[in-house]
Amino acid sequence: MPLITVSDLNVRYGRIAGTHNVSFSVEEGEIFALVGSNGAGKSSAMKAILGMASYASGSIVFDGADIGKLRTFDIVKRGIGYSPEGRRVFAQLSVAENLRMGAYTRPKEEAGERIEQIYAYFPRLKERAKQNASSLSGGEQQMLAIGRALMSRPKLFLLDEPSLGLAPIIVERIGDILEDIRSKENLTVILAEQNAHWAMHLASRAVIFELGHSVNTDSTEVLLRDPSVRSAYLGV
């Protein structure tokens, strides 16, 4: 059984539709990519999973339970972590304080050990532990946002546009770290990305979003060979 199944999801913002009958499922331990241009519906789907966007119809089943009526806090407690587009770290808090904020759903005694695990994945954060987040580079802030989300020990990690505004070498480094975390913790990742080339080389499967619709779901190996996908998203 998939870890999460999204079925016929219709996200609404008043009269504006964010998604139209979007459907996909993700297996445990998989990196799964949501690929599409800005405004295609990727973030809307992620926010619906986390309880941050309402949907008029459809269902979201996570770990065998329908989570559609749960509050965001309770969804996080069930095992879903989220790193939003634009990073949104707490600028005036230190790196260590930001990380501790990510553990608010866990017992307090776990935080110290988990921070050391996050520092092992992101040694740069340990070097900057006492600095305010506002003093970090864009790449370091993205690492901090990821680390903060992972402090809750999620089963499923939602990662929204992590490559935005970052140099290619930093993006590749973040991809390597994600794969390392996935393999060590059996983490399941849903990655929303405009950078289709990077996302589809990192993920095992992907769904293509267009104007709020999920138009094509397949293995990334197949999608990377698809002439229409290559032309529209890879510039080939």
Protein backbone atom coordinates (compact mmCIF):
# COMPACT_ATOMS: atom_id res chain seq x y z
CA MET A 1 0.00 0.00 0.00
CA PRO A 2 1.39 3.48 -0.85
CA LEU A 3 2.43 5.70 2.05
CA ILE A 4 0.26 8.49 0.65
CA THR A 5 -2.49 8.55 -1.96
CA VAL A 6 -3.97 11.79 -3.32
CA SER A 7 -7.19 11.22 -5.27
CA ASP A 8 -9.18 13.67 -7.43
CA LEU A 9 -7.98 16.65 -5.41
CA ASN A 10 -9.66 20.01 -6.10
CA VAL A 11 -8.00 22.80 -4.11
CA ARG A 12 -9.91 26.09 -4.01
CA TYR A 13 -8.94 29.64 -3.04
CA GLY A 14 -12.38 31.19 -3.01
CA ARG A 15 -13.48 31.12 -6.65
CA ILE A 16 -9.98 30.36 -7.88
CA ALA A 17 -8.99 26.73 -8.47
CA GLY A 18 -5.52 25.63 -7.40
CA THR A 19 -5.80 22.05 -8.65
CA HIS A 20 -8.25 20.13 -10.84
CA ASN A 21 -8.81 16.44 -9.97
CA VAL A 22 -5.15 15.86 -9.17
CA SER A 23 -4.24 12.26 -8.36
CA PHE A 24 -0.97 10.52 -7.48
CA SER A 25 0.43 8.06 -4.95
CA VAL A 26 3.87 7.72 -3.40
CA GLU A 27 5.52 4.56 -2.08
CA GLU A 28 7.40 4.40 1.20
CA GLY A 29 11.07 5.29 0.82
CA GLU A 30 10.56 6.89 -2.59
CA ILE A 31 11.60 10.31 -3.87
CA PHE A 32 8.67 11.51 -5.97
CA ALA A 33 8.72 14.74 -7.99
CA LEU A 34 5.93 17.18 -8.78
CA VAL A 35 7.15 18.92 -11.92
CA GLY A 36 5.64 21.96 -13.60
CA SER A 37 5.90 25.67 -14.14
CA ASN A 38 5.15 28.32 -11.53
CA GLY A 39 1.42 28.34 -10.77
CA ALA A 40 0.84 24.82 -12.13
CA GLY A 41 -0.61 23.56 -8.84
CA LYS A 42 2.37 21.86 -7.20
CA SER A 43 2.40 23.99 -4.05
CA SER A 44 -1.39 23.81 -3.79
CA ALA A 45 -1.21 20.03 -3.67
CA MET A 46 1.49 20.15 -0.99
CA LYS A 47 -0.43 22.65 1.14
CA ALA A 48 -3.55 20.49 0.90
CA ILE A 49 -1.59 17.49 2.17
CA LEU A 50 -0.41 19.54 5.14
CA GLY A 51 -3.86 20.98 5.89
CA MET A 52 -2.84 24.49 4.85
CA ALA A 53 -5.18 24.69 1.83
CA SER A 54 -8.79 23.60 1.73
CA TYR A 55 -10.14 21.40 -1.02
CA ALA A 56 -13.68 21.18 -2.32
CA SER A 57 -13.46 17.51 -3.19
CA GLY A 58 -11.07 14.59 -3.29
CA SER A 59 -9.21 12.68 -0.60
CA ILE A 60 -5.77 12.38 0.95
CA VAL A 61 -4.91 9.09 2.65
CA PHE A 62 -1.62 8.99 4.57
CA ASP A 63 -0.29 5.86 6.26
CA GLY A 64 -3.69 4.18 5.92
CA ALA A 65 -5.80 7.04 7.34
CA ASP A 66 -7.77 9.87 5.72
CA ILE A 67 -6.16 13.09 6.96
CA GLY A 68 -8.47 15.49 5.15
CA LYS A 69 -10.15 16.89 8.26
CA LEU A 70 -7.09 17.11 10.49
CA ARG A 71 -5.38 20.32 11.61
CA THR A 72 -1.85 21.01 10.38
CA PHE A 73 -0.43 20.40 13.87
CA ASP A 74 -2.01 16.94 13.99
CA ILE A 75 -0.84 16.12 10.47
CA VAL A 76 2.74 16.98 11.43
CA LYS A 77 2.41 14.80 14.54
CA ARG A 78 1.33 11.89 12.31
CA GLY A 79 4.64 12.14 10.46
CA ILE A 80 4.63 14.75 7.69
CA GLY A 81 7.34 17.42 7.53
CA TYR A 82 7.35 20.49 5.29
CA SER A 83 10.01 22.85 3.97
CA PRO A 84 8.22 25.73 2.18
CA GLU A 85 9.17 27.61 -0.95
CA GLY A 86 11.41 30.55 -0.06
CA ARG A 87 12.87 28.75 3.01
CA ARG A 88 11.17 31.06 5.58
CA VAL A 89 13.65 30.51 8.39
CA PHE A 90 13.29 32.54 11.60
CA ALA A 91 15.77 35.26 10.69
CA GLN A 92 16.45 36.63 14.19
CA LEU A 93 16.84 33.23 15.82
CA SER A 94 20.10 31.29 15.79
CA VAL A 95 20.62 28.19 13.70
CA ALA A 96 20.27 25.99 16.80
CA GLU A 97 17.09 27.81 17.87
CA ASN A 98 15.59 27.37 14.41
CA LEU A 99 16.26 23.65 14.58
CA ARG A 100 14.67 23.35 18.01
CA MET A 101 11.56 25.07 16.65
CA GLY A 102 11.21 22.16 14.24
CA ALA A 103 10.94 19.67 17.09
CA TYR A 104 7.84 21.20 18.69
CA THR A 105 5.74 18.06 18.11
CA ARG A 106 8.36 15.76 19.69
CA PRO A 107 9.30 15.09 23.33
CA LYS A 108 11.75 17.75 24.54
CA GLU A 109 14.37 15.19 25.53
CA GLU A 110 14.74 14.09 21.88
CA ALA A 111 15.76 17.50 20.55
CA GLY A 112 19.43 17.43 21.50
CA GLU A 113 20.14 14.05 19.92
CA ARG A 114 18.20 14.96 16.78
CA ILE A 115 20.08 18.24 16.37
CA GLU A 116 23.36 16.31 16.38
CA GLN A 117 21.96 14.02 13.66
CA ILE A 118 20.99 17.07 11.58
CA TYR A 119 24.47 18.54 12.09
CA ALA A 120 25.94 15.27 10.80
CA TYR A 121 23.94 15.71 7.58
CA PHE A 122 24.71 19.44 7.38
CA PRO A 123 28.13 20.13 8.98
CA ARG A 124 27.95 23.76 7.86
CA LEU A 125 24.99 24.28 10.19
CA LYS A 126 27.04 23.09 13.15
CA GLU A 127 29.73 25.62 12.26
CA ARG A 128 27.04 28.34 12.21
CA ALA A 129 25.03 27.04 15.20
CA LYS A 130 25.17 30.27 17.21
CA GLN A 131 24.72 32.65 14.28
CA ASN A 132 21.39 34.23 13.45
CA ALA A 133 19.72 32.66 10.43
CA SER A 134 19.68 36.07 8.72
CA SER A 135 23.49 35.90 8.44
CA LEU A 136 23.47 32.67 6.42
CA SER A 137 23.86 32.39 2.67
CA GLY A 138 20.89 31.27 0.57
CA GLY A 139 22.23 27.74 0.36
CA GLU A 140 22.83 27.59 4.11
CA GLN A 141 19.31 28.87 4.78
CA GLN A 142 17.92 26.13 2.54
CA MET A 143 19.89 23.55 4.49
CA LEU A 144 18.53 25.04 7.70
CA ALA A 145 14.94 24.92 6.41
CA ILE A 146 15.39 21.26 5.47
CA GLY A 147 17.04 20.46 8.80
CA ARG A 148 14.29 22.22 10.73
CA ALA A 149 11.61 20.18 8.94
CA LEU A 150 13.50 16.96 9.60
CA MET A 151 13.69 17.66 13.35
CA SER A 152 10.18 16.19 13.73
CA ARG A 153 11.43 12.84 12.36
CA PRO A 154 8.83 12.72 9.56
CA LYS A 155 7.90 9.64 7.56
CA LEU A 156 7.01 11.91 4.63
CA PHE A 157 8.93 15.07 3.76
CA LEU A 158 7.34 17.74 1.54
CA LEU A 159 10.02 19.90 -0.07
CA ASP A 160 8.83 22.89 -2.09
CA GLU A 161 11.15 24.47 -4.69
CA PRO A 162 14.46 23.89 -2.85
CA SER A 163 16.57 24.93 -5.85
CA LEU A 164 15.01 28.39 -6.11
CA GLY A 165 17.68 31.09 -6.31
CA LEU A 166 20.59 28.76 -5.59
CA ALA A 167 23.75 28.11 -7.58
CA PRO A 168 23.80 24.75 -9.43
CA ILE A 169 26.65 23.39 -7.30
CA ILE A 170 24.62 24.04 -4.12
CA VAL A 171 21.54 22.43 -5.68
CA GLU A 172 23.53 19.30 -6.50
CA ARG A 173 24.89 19.19 -2.94
CA ILE A 174 21.38 19.41 -1.50
CA GLY A 175 20.32 16.55 -3.78
CA ASP A 176 23.18 14.40 -2.52
CA ILE A 177 22.25 15.12 1.10
CA LEU A 178 18.59 14.30 0.47
CA GLU A 179 19.51 10.95 -1.04
CA ASP A 180 21.78 10.23 1.94
CA ILE A 181 18.99 11.03 4.41
CA ARG A 182 16.45 9.01 2.43
CA SER A 183 18.64 5.93 2.44
CA LYS A 184 19.59 6.17 6.13
CA GLU A 185 16.12 6.99 7.50
CA ASN A 186 13.87 5.37 4.88
CA LEU A 187 12.46 8.85 4.35
CA THR A 188 9.77 9.37 1.71
CA VAL A 189 10.12 12.66 -0.16
CA ILE A 190 7.71 14.63 -2.33
CA LEU A 191 9.72 17.23 -4.19
CA ALA A 192 7.97 20.14 -5.98
CA GLU A 193 10.29 21.68 -8.54
CA GLN A 194 10.42 23.92 -11.60
CA ASN A 195 13.96 22.62 -12.20
CA ALA A 196 12.66 19.50 -13.94
CA HIS A 197 16.08 18.25 -15.04
CA TRP A 198 17.43 18.12 -11.48
CA ALA A 199 14.19 16.85 -9.92
CA MET A 200 13.72 14.00 -12.38
CA HIS A 201 17.29 12.82 -12.01
CA LEU A 202 16.87 12.77 -8.22
CA ALA A 203 13.41 11.15 -8.12
CA SER A 204 12.38 7.65 -9.19
CA ARG A 205 8.93 8.77 -10.40
CA ALA A 206 7.25 12.07 -11.20
CA VAL A 207 3.93 13.65 -12.06
CA ILE A 208 3.71 16.50 -14.55
CA PHE A 209 1.48 19.42 -13.54
CA GLU A 210 -0.09 21.74 -16.11
CA LEU A 211 -2.59 24.47 -15.21
CA GLY A 212 -3.63 22.65 -12.05
CA HIS A 213 -4.00 19.24 -13.70
CA SER A 214 -1.81 16.16 -13.17
CA VAL A 215 -1.32 15.23 -16.82
CA ASN A 216 1.34 12.52 -16.82
CA THR A 217 2.69 10.19 -14.12
CA ASP A 218 5.45 7.69 -14.77
CA SER A 219 8.97 6.64 -13.86
CA THR A 220 11.45 9.45 -14.42
CA GLU A 221 13.38 7.18 -16.77
CA VAL A 222 10.34 7.04 -19.07
CA LEU A 223 9.49 10.74 -18.70
CA LEU A 224 13.05 11.80 -19.50
CA ARG A 225 12.74 9.98 -22.83
CA ASP A 226 9.32 11.47 -23.65
CA PRO A 227 9.75 14.02 -26.48
CA SER A 228 6.91 16.24 -25.21
CA VAL A 229 8.37 16.33 -21.69
CA ARG A 230 11.87 16.96 -23.00
CA SER A 231 10.64 19.83 -25.16
CA ALA A 232 8.40 21.49 -22.55
CA TYR A 233 10.47 21.02 -19.39
CA LEU A 234 14.04 20.16 -20.31
CA GLY A 235 14.61 22.52 -23.22
CA VAL A 236 15.68 19.64 -25.47
